[in-house]
Amino acid sequence: MVPILTEKDFSPHLKSKFYLQLTDSSLELVLAEVQRYPASPTDPSGMERFSIFFDGPGVYLPQNLYHLKHDQLGELDIFLVPVSGDQRGYYYEAVFNSFK
């Protein structure tokens, strides 16, 4: 069973490095932000919603599921979406919605 990750799992690791292995190289992503979304009146009880944002190098990664490694969190499969960037670097978001 895959563990459910929460905002509290990621928050202590701001500015830490996550490693993404590509076929012929490895990319380093830095956890730049953890953003919690407040519950709305229409949310089911116990719903947690948050996003994490990564700073990446000047290599574009298309929207996809990626296998990341972190020194404390271990290995994670996370769906990343590019939200901005240029040849100097890209900014990626992963959105989480789960029940506590």
PDB file of N, CA and C in Angstrom:
ATOM      1  N   MET A   1       0.846  -1.189   0.000  1.00  0.00           N
ATOM      2  CA  MET A   1       0.000   0.000   0.000  1.00  0.00           C
ATOM      3  C   MET A   1       0.888   1.248   0.000  1.00  0.00           C
ATOM      4  N   VAL A   2       0.536   2.218  -0.810  1.00  0.00           N
ATOM      5  CA  VAL A   2       1.289   3.461  -0.917  1.00  0.00           C
ATOM      6  C   VAL A   2       0.899   4.382   0.246  1.00  0.00           C
ATOM      7  N   PRO A   3       1.892   4.926   0.975  1.00  0.00           N
ATOM      8  CA  PRO A   3       1.553   5.826   2.078  1.00  0.00           C
ATOM      9  C   PRO A   3       0.954   7.128   1.551  1.00  0.00           C
ATOM     10  N   ILE A   4       0.044   7.697   2.319  1.00  0.00           N
ATOM     11  CA  ILE A   4      -0.548   8.980   1.956  1.00  0.00           C
ATOM     12  C   ILE A   4       0.351  10.075   2.519  1.00  0.00           C
ATOM     13  N   LEU A   5       0.865  10.904   1.638  1.00  0.00           N
ATOM     14  CA  LEU A   5       1.746  11.987   2.045  1.00  0.00           C
ATOM     15  C   LEU A   5       0.926  13.212   2.417  1.00  0.00           C
ATOM     16  N   THR A   6       1.391  13.920   3.425  1.00  0.00           N
ATOM     17  CA  THR A   6       0.686  15.107   3.897  1.00  0.00           C
ATOM     18  C   THR A   6       1.591  16.329   3.794  1.00  0.00           C
ATOM     19  N   GLU A   7       0.987  17.474   3.999  1.00  0.00           N
ATOM     20  CA  GLU A   7       1.739  18.727   4.032  1.00  0.00           C
ATOM     21  C   GLU A   7       2.842  18.652   5.093  1.00  0.00           C
ATOM     22  N   LYS A   8       2.548  18.044   6.213  1.00  0.00           N
ATOM     23  CA  LYS A   8       3.519  17.938   7.312  1.00  0.00           C
ATOM     24  C   LYS A   8       4.705  17.049   6.952  1.00  0.00           C
ATOM     25  N   ASP A   9       4.524  16.123   6.009  1.00  0.00           N
ATOM     26  CA  ASP A   9       5.648  15.297   5.558  1.00  0.00           C
ATOM     27  C   ASP A   9       6.670  16.125   4.778  1.00  0.00           C
ATOM     28  N   PHE A  10       6.184  17.082   4.004  1.00  0.00           N
ATOM     29  CA  PHE A  10       7.067  17.861   3.139  1.00  0.00           C
ATOM     30  C   PHE A  10       7.609  19.136   3.789  1.00  0.00           C
ATOM     31  N   SER A  11       6.834  19.788   4.643  1.00  0.00           N
ATOM     32  CA  SER A  11       7.217  21.088   5.203  1.00  0.00           C
ATOM     33  C   SER A  11       8.597  21.124   5.848  1.00  0.00           C
ATOM     34  N   PRO A  12       9.011  20.097   6.609  1.00  0.00           N
ATOM     35  CA  PRO A  12      10.348  20.165   7.218  1.00  0.00           C
ATOM     36  C   PRO A  12      11.492  20.083   6.202  1.00  0.00           C
ATOM     37  N   HIS A  13      11.166  19.796   4.963  1.00  0.00           N
ATOM     38  CA  HIS A  13      12.204  19.569   3.960  1.00  0.00           C
ATOM     39  C   HIS A  13      12.316  20.692   2.931  1.00  0.00           C
ATOM     40  N   LEU A  14      11.777  21.879   3.274  1.00  0.00           N
ATOM     41  CA  LEU A  14      11.927  23.024   2.379  1.00  0.00           C
ATOM     42  C   LEU A  14      13.405  23.263   2.101  1.00  0.00           C
ATOM     43  N   LYS A  15      13.701  23.607   0.883  1.00  0.00           N
ATOM     44  CA  LYS A  15      15.065  23.886   0.406  1.00  0.00           C
ATOM     45  C   LYS A  15      15.944  22.641   0.311  1.00  0.00           C
ATOM     46  N   SER A  16      15.376  21.461   0.529  1.00  0.00           N
ATOM     47  CA  SER A  16      16.173  20.241   0.394  1.00  0.00           C
ATOM     48  C   SER A  16      16.091  19.727  -1.043  1.00  0.00           C
ATOM     49  N   LYS A  17      17.006  18.823  -1.368  1.00  0.00           N
ATOM     50  CA  LYS A  17      17.139  18.328  -2.736  1.00  0.00           C
ATOM     51  C   LYS A  17      16.421  17.001  -2.937  1.00  0.00           C
ATOM     52  N   PHE A  18      15.759  16.906  -4.074  1.00  0.00           N
ATOM     53  CA  PHE A  18      15.138  15.678  -4.554  1.00  0.00           C
ATOM     54  C   PHE A  18      15.845  15.336  -5.858  1.00  0.00           C
ATOM     55  N   TYR A  19      16.071  14.066  -6.091  1.00  0.00           N
ATOM     56  CA  TYR A  19      16.812  13.639  -7.273  1.00  0.00           C
ATOM     57  C   TYR A  19      15.907  12.833  -8.187  1.00  0.00           C
ATOM     58  N   LEU A  20      15.938  13.202  -9.463  1.00  0.00           N
ATOM     59  CA  LEU A  20      15.130  12.555 -10.486  1.00  0.00           C
ATOM     60  C   LEU A  20      16.090  11.882 -11.460  1.00  0.00           C
ATOM     61  N   GLN A  21      15.988  10.577 -11.591  1.00  0.00           N
ATOM     62  CA  GLN A  21      16.874   9.839 -12.488  1.00  0.00           C
ATOM     63  C   GLN A  21      16.251   9.754 -13.867  1.00  0.00           C
ATOM     64  N   LEU A  22      16.955  10.281 -14.851  1.00  0.00           N
ATOM     65  CA  LEU A  22      16.557  10.150 -16.247  1.00  0.00           C
ATOM     66  C   LEU A  22      17.382   9.024 -16.853  1.00  0.00           C
ATOM     67  N   THR A  23      17.112   8.688 -18.078  1.00  0.00           N
ATOM     68  CA  THR A  23      17.801   7.577 -18.730  1.00  0.00           C
ATOM     69  C   THR A  23      19.314   7.745 -18.700  1.00  0.00           C
ATOM     70  N   ASP A  24      19.796   8.929 -19.051  1.00  0.00           N
ATOM     71  CA  ASP A  24      21.235   9.126 -19.157  1.00  0.00           C
ATOM     72  C   ASP A  24      21.817  10.142 -18.176  1.00  0.00           C
ATOM     73  N   SER A  25      20.999  10.666 -17.274  1.00  0.00           N
ATOM     74  CA  SER A  25      21.490  11.654 -16.312  1.00  0.00           C
ATOM     75  C   SER A  25      20.550  11.739 -15.112  1.00  0.00           C
ATOM     76  N   SER A  26      20.968  12.523 -14.137  1.00  0.00           N
ATOM     77  CA  SER A  26      20.159  12.757 -12.948  1.00  0.00           C
ATOM     78  C   SER A  26      19.916  14.258 -12.832  1.00  0.00           C
ATOM     79  N   LEU A  27      18.711  14.637 -12.452  1.00  0.00           N
ATOM     80  CA  LEU A  27      18.390  16.043 -12.250  1.00  0.00           C
ATOM     81  C   LEU A  27      18.131  16.299 -10.778  1.00  0.00           C
ATOM     82  N   GLU A  28      18.516  17.471 -10.341  1.00  0.00           N
ATOM     83  CA  GLU A  28      18.300  17.877  -8.966  1.00  0.00           C
ATOM     84  C   GLU A  28      17.157  18.889  -8.928  1.00  0.00           C
ATOM     85  N   LEU A  29      16.151  18.611  -8.123  1.00  0.00           N
ATOM     86  CA  LEU A  29      15.042  19.532  -7.902  1.00  0.00           C
ATOM     87  C   LEU A  29      15.093  19.969  -6.444  1.00  0.00           C
ATOM     88  N   VAL A  30      14.829  21.235  -6.189  1.00  0.00           N
ATOM     89  CA  VAL A  30      14.851  21.760  -4.825  1.00  0.00           C
ATOM     90  C   VAL A  30      13.423  22.095  -4.414  1.00  0.00           C
ATOM     91  N   LEU A  31      13.008  21.583  -3.260  1.00  0.00           N
ATOM     92  CA  LEU A  31      11.663  21.878  -2.751  1.00  0.00           C
ATOM     93  C   LEU A  31      11.618  23.350  -2.352  1.00  0.00           C
ATOM     94  N   ALA A  32      10.904  24.148  -3.124  1.00  0.00           N
ATOM     95  CA  ALA A  32      10.886  25.600  -2.948  1.00  0.00           C
ATOM     96  C   ALA A  32       9.744  26.087  -2.069  1.00  0.00           C
ATOM     97  N   GLU A  33       8.613  25.366  -2.070  1.00  0.00           N
ATOM     98  CA  GLU A  33       7.430  25.861  -1.354  1.00  0.00           C
ATOM     99  C   GLU A  33       6.466  24.716  -1.081  1.00  0.00           C
ATOM    100  N   VAL A  34       5.806  24.800   0.065  1.00  0.00           N
ATOM    101  CA  VAL A  34       4.692  23.909   0.396  1.00  0.00           C
ATOM    102  C   VAL A  34       3.516  24.830   0.692  1.00  0.00           C
ATOM    103  N   GLN A  35       2.445  24.689  -0.070  1.00  0.00           N
ATOM    104  CA  GLN A  35       1.297  25.587   0.065  1.00  0.00           C
ATOM    105  C   GLN A  35       0.051  24.788   0.435  1.00  0.00           C
ATOM    106  N   ARG A  36      -0.495  25.088   1.591  1.00  0.00           N
ATOM    107  CA  ARG A  36      -1.732  24.445   2.041  1.00  0.00           C
ATOM    108  C   ARG A  36      -2.913  25.249   1.541  1.00  0.00           C
ATOM    109  N   TYR A  37      -3.966  24.544   1.148  1.00  0.00           N
ATOM    110  CA  TYR A  37      -5.201  25.191   0.719  1.00  0.00           C
ATOM    111  C   TYR A  37      -6.242  25.005   1.813  1.00  0.00           C
ATOM    112  N   PRO A  38      -6.848  26.090   2.271  1.00  0.00           N
ATOM    113  CA  PRO A  38      -7.861  25.949   3.319  1.00  0.00           C
ATOM    114  C   PRO A  38      -9.078  25.175   2.814  1.00  0.00           C
ATOM    115  N   ALA A  39      -9.710  24.493   3.727  1.00  0.00           N
ATOM    116  CA  ALA A  39     -10.918  23.734   3.380  1.00  0.00           C
ATOM    117  C   ALA A  39     -12.030  24.699   2.986  1.00  0.00           C
ATOM    118  N   SER A  40     -12.760  24.318   1.973  1.00  0.00           N
ATOM    119  CA  SER A  40     -13.916  25.119   1.567  1.00  0.00           C
ATOM    120  C   SER A  40     -15.176  24.439   2.114  1.00  0.00           C
ATOM    121  N   PRO A  41     -16.272  25.157   2.169  1.00  0.00           N
ATOM    122  CA  PRO A  41     -17.507  24.569   2.691  1.00  0.00           C
ATOM    123  C   PRO A  41     -17.983  23.345   1.903  1.00  0.00           C
ATOM    124  N   THR A  42     -17.552  23.222   0.653  1.00  0.00           N
ATOM    125  CA  THR A  42     -17.998  22.088  -0.164  1.00  0.00           C
ATOM    126  C   THR A  42     -17.068  20.878  -0.083  1.00  0.00           C
ATOM    127  N   ASP A  43     -15.932  21.030   0.605  1.00  0.00           N
ATOM    128  CA  ASP A  43     -15.007  19.901   0.752  1.00  0.00           C
ATOM    129  C   ASP A  43     -15.589  18.845   1.681  1.00  0.00           C
ATOM    130  N   PRO A  44     -15.381  17.589   1.352  1.00  0.00           N
ATOM    131  CA  PRO A  44     -15.777  16.532   2.285  1.00  0.00           C
ATOM    132  C   PRO A  44     -14.970  16.650   3.575  1.00  0.00           C
ATOM    133  N   SER A  45     -15.540  16.201   4.655  1.00  0.00           N
ATOM    134  CA  SER A  45     -14.865  16.249   5.953  1.00  0.00           C
ATOM    135  C   SER A  45     -13.565  15.445   5.904  1.00  0.00           C
ATOM    136  N   GLY A  46     -12.496  16.019   6.440  1.00  0.00           N
ATOM    137  CA  GLY A  46     -11.225  15.323   6.507  1.00  0.00           C
ATOM    138  C   GLY A  46     -10.365  15.437   5.258  1.00  0.00           C
ATOM    139  N   MET A  47     -10.760  16.254   4.291  1.00  0.00           N
ATOM    140  CA  MET A  47      -9.993  16.411   3.058  1.00  0.00           C
ATOM    141  C   MET A  47      -8.804  17.336   3.301  1.00  0.00           C
ATOM    142  N   GLU A  48      -7.631  16.918   2.861  1.00  0.00           N
ATOM    143  CA  GLU A  48      -6.454  17.770   2.914  1.00  0.00           C
ATOM    144  C   GLU A  48      -6.016  18.059   1.490  1.00  0.00           C
ATOM    145  N   ARG A  49      -5.793  19.347   1.206  1.00  0.00           N
ATOM    146  CA  ARG A  49      -5.360  19.762  -0.119  1.00  0.00           C
ATOM    147  C   ARG A  49      -4.126  20.645   0.030  1.00  0.00           C
ATOM    148  N   PHE A  50      -3.085  20.326  -0.725  1.00  0.00           N
ATOM    149  CA  PHE A  50      -1.882  21.149  -0.702  1.00  0.00           C
ATOM    150  C   PHE A  50      -1.092  20.928  -1.989  1.00  0.00           C
ATOM    151  N   SER A  51      -0.174  21.845  -2.246  1.00  0.00           N
ATOM    152  CA  SER A  51       0.735  21.735  -3.387  1.00  0.00           C
ATOM    153  C   SER A  51       2.154  21.856  -2.886  1.00  0.00           C
ATOM    154  N   ILE A  52       3.062  21.207  -3.611  1.00  0.00           N
ATOM    155  CA  ILE A  52       4.477  21.427  -3.385  1.00  0.00           C
ATOM    156  C   ILE A  52       5.061  21.946  -4.693  1.00  0.00           C
ATOM    157  N   PHE A  53       6.059  22.805  -4.573  1.00  0.00           N
ATOM    158  CA  PHE A  53       6.676  23.436  -5.733  1.00  0.00           C
ATOM    159  C   PHE A  53       8.172  23.175  -5.705  1.00  0.00           C
ATOM    160  N   PHE A  54       8.718  22.878  -6.873  1.00  0.00           N
ATOM    161  CA  PHE A  54      10.141  22.594  -7.007  1.00  0.00           C
ATOM    162  C   PHE A  54      10.793  23.574  -7.960  1.00  0.00           C
ATOM    163  N   ASP A  55      12.008  23.999  -7.615  1.00  0.00           N
ATOM    164  CA  ASP A  55      12.874  24.709  -8.548  1.00  0.00           C
ATOM    165  C   ASP A  55      13.720  23.657  -9.238  1.00  0.00           C
ATOM    166  N   GLY A  56      13.788  23.741 -10.558  1.00  0.00           N
ATOM    167  CA  GLY A  56      14.579  22.787 -11.314  1.00  0.00           C
ATOM    168  C   GLY A  56      15.576  23.485 -12.212  1.00  0.00           C
ATOM    169  N   PRO A  57      16.466  22.732 -12.812  1.00  0.00           N
ATOM    170  CA  PRO A  57      17.469  23.309 -13.717  1.00  0.00           C
ATOM    171  C   PRO A  57      16.836  23.703 -15.051  1.00  0.00           C
ATOM    172  N   GLY A  58      17.665  24.143 -15.974  1.00  0.00           N
ATOM    173  CA  GLY A  58      17.191  24.585 -17.282  1.00  0.00           C
ATOM    174  C   GLY A  58      16.864  23.454 -18.237  1.00  0.00           C
ATOM    175  N   VAL A  59      16.434  22.331 -17.701  1.00  0.00           N
ATOM    176  CA  VAL A  59      16.012  21.186 -18.511  1.00  0.00           C
ATOM    177  C   VAL A  59      14.500  21.047 -18.336  1.00  0.00           C
ATOM    178  N   TYR A  60      13.763  21.166 -19.427  1.00  0.00           N
ATOM    179  CA  TYR A  60      12.302  21.100 -19.360  1.00  0.00           C
ATOM    180  C   TYR A  60      11.837  19.663 -19.162  1.00  0.00           C
ATOM    181  N   LEU A  61      10.983  19.464 -18.158  1.00  0.00           N
ATOM    182  CA  LEU A  61      10.328  18.173 -17.924  1.00  0.00           C
ATOM    183  C   LEU A  61       8.847  18.328 -18.260  1.00  0.00           C
ATOM    184  N   PRO A  62       8.328  17.560 -19.193  1.00  0.00           N
ATOM    185  CA  PRO A  62       6.898  17.661 -19.492  1.00  0.00           C
ATOM    186  C   PRO A  62       6.063  17.117 -18.334  1.00  0.00           C
ATOM    187  N   GLN A  63       4.818  17.504 -18.288  1.00  0.00           N
ATOM    188  CA  GLN A  63       3.874  17.005 -17.290  1.00  0.00           C
ATOM    189  C   GLN A  63       3.894  15.486 -17.321  1.00  0.00           C
ATOM    190  N   ASN A  64       4.187  14.873 -16.158  1.00  0.00           N
ATOM    191  CA  ASN A  64       4.312  13.419 -16.133  1.00  0.00           C
ATOM    192  C   ASN A  64       4.516  12.941 -14.700  1.00  0.00           C
ATOM    193  N   LEU A  65       4.410  11.638 -14.515  1.00  0.00           N
ATOM    194  CA  LEU A  65       4.715  11.001 -13.241  1.00  0.00           C
ATOM    195  C   LEU A  65       6.214  10.710 -13.216  1.00  0.00           C
ATOM    196  N   TYR A  66       6.897  11.186 -12.159  1.00  0.00           N
ATOM    197  CA  TYR A  66       8.347  11.012 -12.051  1.00  0.00           C
ATOM    198  C   TYR A  66       8.706  10.311 -10.747  1.00  0.00           C
ATOM    199  N   HIS A  67       9.772   9.534 -10.824  1.00  0.00           N
ATOM    200  CA  HIS A  67      10.286   8.826  -9.653  1.00  0.00           C
ATOM    201  C   HIS A  67      11.386   9.690  -9.041  1.00  0.00           C
ATOM    202  N   LEU A  68      11.148  10.175  -7.820  1.00  0.00           N
ATOM    203  CA  LEU A  68      12.090  11.047  -7.127  1.00  0.00           C
ATOM    204  C   LEU A  68      12.673  10.329  -5.921  1.00  0.00           C
ATOM    205  N   LYS A  69      13.900  10.720  -5.568  1.00  0.00           N
ATOM    206  CA  LYS A  69      14.553  10.189  -4.368  1.00  0.00           C
ATOM    207  C   LYS A  69      14.925  11.351  -3.459  1.00  0.00           C
ATOM    208  N   HIS A  70      14.731  11.132  -2.155  1.00  0.00           N
ATOM    209  CA  HIS A  70      15.053  12.142  -1.150  1.00  0.00           C
ATOM    210  C   HIS A  70      15.744  11.444   0.010  1.00  0.00           C
ATOM    211  N   ASP A  71      16.722  12.118   0.608  1.00  0.00           N
ATOM    212  CA  ASP A  71      17.502  11.497   1.684  1.00  0.00           C
ATOM    213  C   ASP A  71      16.657  11.038   2.872  1.00  0.00           C
ATOM    214  N   GLN A  72      15.654  11.809   3.278  1.00  0.00           N
ATOM    215  CA  GLN A  72      14.816  11.433   4.420  1.00  0.00           C
ATOM    216  C   GLN A  72      13.479  10.786   4.023  1.00  0.00           C
ATOM    217  N   LEU A  73      12.881  11.254   2.946  1.00  0.00           N
ATOM    218  CA  LEU A  73      11.560  10.752   2.548  1.00  0.00           C
ATOM    219  C   LEU A  73      11.635   9.468   1.725  1.00  0.00           C
ATOM    220  N   GLY A  74      12.814   9.143   1.233  1.00  0.00           N
ATOM    221  CA  GLY A  74      12.967   7.927   0.439  1.00  0.00           C
ATOM    222  C   GLY A  74      12.570   8.136  -1.011  1.00  0.00           C
ATOM    223  N   GLU A  75      12.013   7.088  -1.616  1.00  0.00           N
ATOM    224  CA  GLU A  75      11.633   7.124  -3.019  1.00  0.00           C
ATOM    225  C   GLU A  75      10.141   7.404  -3.150  1.00  0.00           C
ATOM    226  N   LEU A  76       9.812   8.345  -4.048  1.00  0.00           N
ATOM    227  CA  LEU A  76       8.433   8.787  -4.227  1.00  0.00           C
ATOM    228  C   LEU A  76       8.114   8.901  -5.708  1.00  0.00           C
ATOM    229  N   ASP A  77       6.913   8.523  -6.090  1.00  0.00           N
ATOM    230  CA  ASP A  77       6.413   8.786  -7.436  1.00  0.00           C
ATOM    231  C   ASP A  77       5.482   9.981  -7.339  1.00  0.00           C
ATOM    232  N   ILE A  78       5.838  11.065  -8.037  1.00  0.00           N
ATOM    233  CA  ILE A  78       5.080  12.318  -7.932  1.00  0.00           C
ATOM    234  C   ILE A  78       4.783  12.834  -9.334  1.00  0.00           C
ATOM    235  N   PHE A  79       3.533  13.251  -9.543  1.00  0.00           N
ATOM    236  CA  PHE A  79       3.108  13.826 -10.815  1.00  0.00           C
ATOM    237  C   PHE A  79       3.475  15.301 -10.814  1.00  0.00           C
ATOM    238  N   LEU A  80       4.403  15.686 -11.680  1.00  0.00           N
ATOM    239  CA  LEU A  80       4.875  17.068 -11.759  1.00  0.00           C
ATOM    240  C   LEU A  80       4.312  17.771 -12.977  1.00  0.00           C
ATOM    241  N   VAL A  81       3.978  19.045 -12.783  1.00  0.00           N
ATOM    242  CA  VAL A  81       3.464  19.886 -13.861  1.00  0.00           C
ATOM    243  C   VAL A  81       4.342  21.133 -13.937  1.00  0.00           C
ATOM    244  N   PRO A  82       4.908  21.435 -15.111  1.00  0.00           N
ATOM    245  CA  PRO A  82       5.676  22.678 -15.225  1.00  0.00           C
ATOM    246  C   PRO A  82       4.731  23.874 -15.177  1.00  0.00           C
ATOM    247  N   VAL A  83       5.055  24.869 -14.343  1.00  0.00           N
ATOM    248  CA  VAL A  83       4.197  26.053 -14.248  1.00  0.00           C
ATOM    249  C   VAL A  83       4.863  27.307 -14.792  1.00  0.00           C
ATOM    250  N   SER A  84       6.186  27.324 -14.843  1.00  0.00           N
ATOM    251  CA  SER A  84       6.891  28.451 -15.455  1.00  0.00           C
ATOM    252  C   SER A  84       8.340  28.065 -15.671  1.00  0.00           C
ATOM    253  N   GLY A  85       9.032  28.876 -16.463  1.00  0.00           N
ATOM    254  CA  GLY A  85      10.445  28.626 -16.636  1.00  0.00           C
ATOM    255  C   GLY A  85      10.992  29.085 -17.959  1.00  0.00           C
ATOM    256  N   ASP A  86      12.315  28.978 -18.052  1.00  0.00           N
ATOM    257  CA  ASP A  86      13.051  29.295 -19.259  1.00  0.00           C
ATOM    258  C   ASP A  86      14.351  28.506 -19.232  1.00  0.00           C
ATOM    259  N   GLN A  87      15.304  28.844 -20.108  1.00  0.00           N
ATOM    260  CA  GLN A  87      16.537  28.069 -20.188  1.00  0.00           C
ATOM    261  C   GLN A  87      17.359  28.104 -18.903  1.00  0.00           C
ATOM    262  N   ARG A  88      17.102  29.056 -18.006  1.00  0.00           N
ATOM    263  CA  ARG A  88      17.838  29.144 -16.732  1.00  0.00           C
ATOM    264  C   ARG A  88      17.275  28.212 -15.673  1.00  0.00           C
ATOM    265  N   GLY A  89      15.993  27.851 -15.776  1.00  0.00           N
ATOM    266  CA  GLY A  89      15.385  26.967 -14.793  1.00  0.00           C
ATOM    267  C   GLY A  89      13.875  26.904 -14.936  1.00  0.00           C
ATOM    268  N   TYR A  90      13.307  25.842 -14.399  1.00  0.00           N
ATOM    269  CA  TYR A  90      11.858  25.636 -14.464  1.00  0.00           C
ATOM    270  C   TYR A  90      11.298  25.454 -13.059  1.00  0.00           C
ATOM    271  N   TYR A  91      10.023  25.775 -12.923  1.00  0.00           N
ATOM    272  CA  TYR A  91       9.300  25.695 -11.652  1.00  0.00           C
ATOM    273  C   TYR A  91       8.187  24.674 -11.851  1.00  0.00           C
ATOM    274  N   TYR A  92       8.114  23.677 -10.971  1.00  0.00           N
ATOM    275  CA  TYR A  92       7.158  22.574 -11.103  1.00  0.00           C
ATOM    276  C   TYR A  92       6.239  22.515  -9.896  1.00  0.00           C
ATOM    277  N   GLU A  93       5.007  22.069 -10.136  1.00  0.00           N
ATOM    278  CA  GLU A  93       4.023  21.919  -9.064  1.00  0.00           C
ATOM    279  C   GLU A  93       3.510  20.479  -9.040  1.00  0.00           C
ATOM    280  N   ALA A  94       3.285  20.004  -7.830  1.00  0.00           N
ATOM    281  CA  ALA A  94       2.593  18.725  -7.615  1.00  0.00           C
ATOM    282  C   ALA A  94       1.435  19.017  -6.661  1.00  0.00           C
ATOM    283  N   VAL A  95       0.239  18.593  -7.022  1.00  0.00           N
ATOM    284  CA  VAL A  95      -0.970  18.859  -6.232  1.00  0.00           C
ATOM    285  C   VAL A  95      -1.398  17.572  -5.531  1.00  0.00           C
ATOM    286  N   PHE A  96      -1.729  17.691  -4.258  1.00  0.00           N
ATOM    287  CA  PHE A  96      -2.163  16.547  -3.452  1.00  0.00           C
ATOM    288  C   PHE A  96      -3.563  16.812  -2.895  1.00  0.00           C
ATOM    289  N   ASN A  97      -4.436  15.831  -3.027  1.00  0.00           N
ATOM    290  CA  ASN A  97      -5.777  15.850  -2.439  1.00  0.00           C
ATOM    291  C   ASN A  97      -5.994  14.490  -1.805  1.00  0.00           C
ATOM    292  N   SER A  98      -6.222  14.468  -0.508  1.00  0.00           N
ATOM    293  CA  SER A  98      -6.407  13.181   0.156  1.00  0.00           C
ATOM    294  C   SER A  98      -7.210  13.360   1.439  1.00  0.00           C
ATOM    295  N   PHE A  99      -7.708  12.251   1.924  1.00  0.00           N
ATOM    296  CA  PHE A  99      -8.417  12.248   3.204  1.00  0.00           C
ATOM    297  C   PHE A  99      -7.421  11.926   4.313  1.00  0.00           C
ATOM    298  N   LYS A 100      -7.549  12.639   5.417  1.00  0.00           N
ATOM    299  CA  LYS A 100      -6.673  12.392   6.566  1.00  0.00           C
ATOM    300  C   LYS A 100      -7.060  11.101   7.242  1.00  0.00           C
TER     301      LYS A 100
END
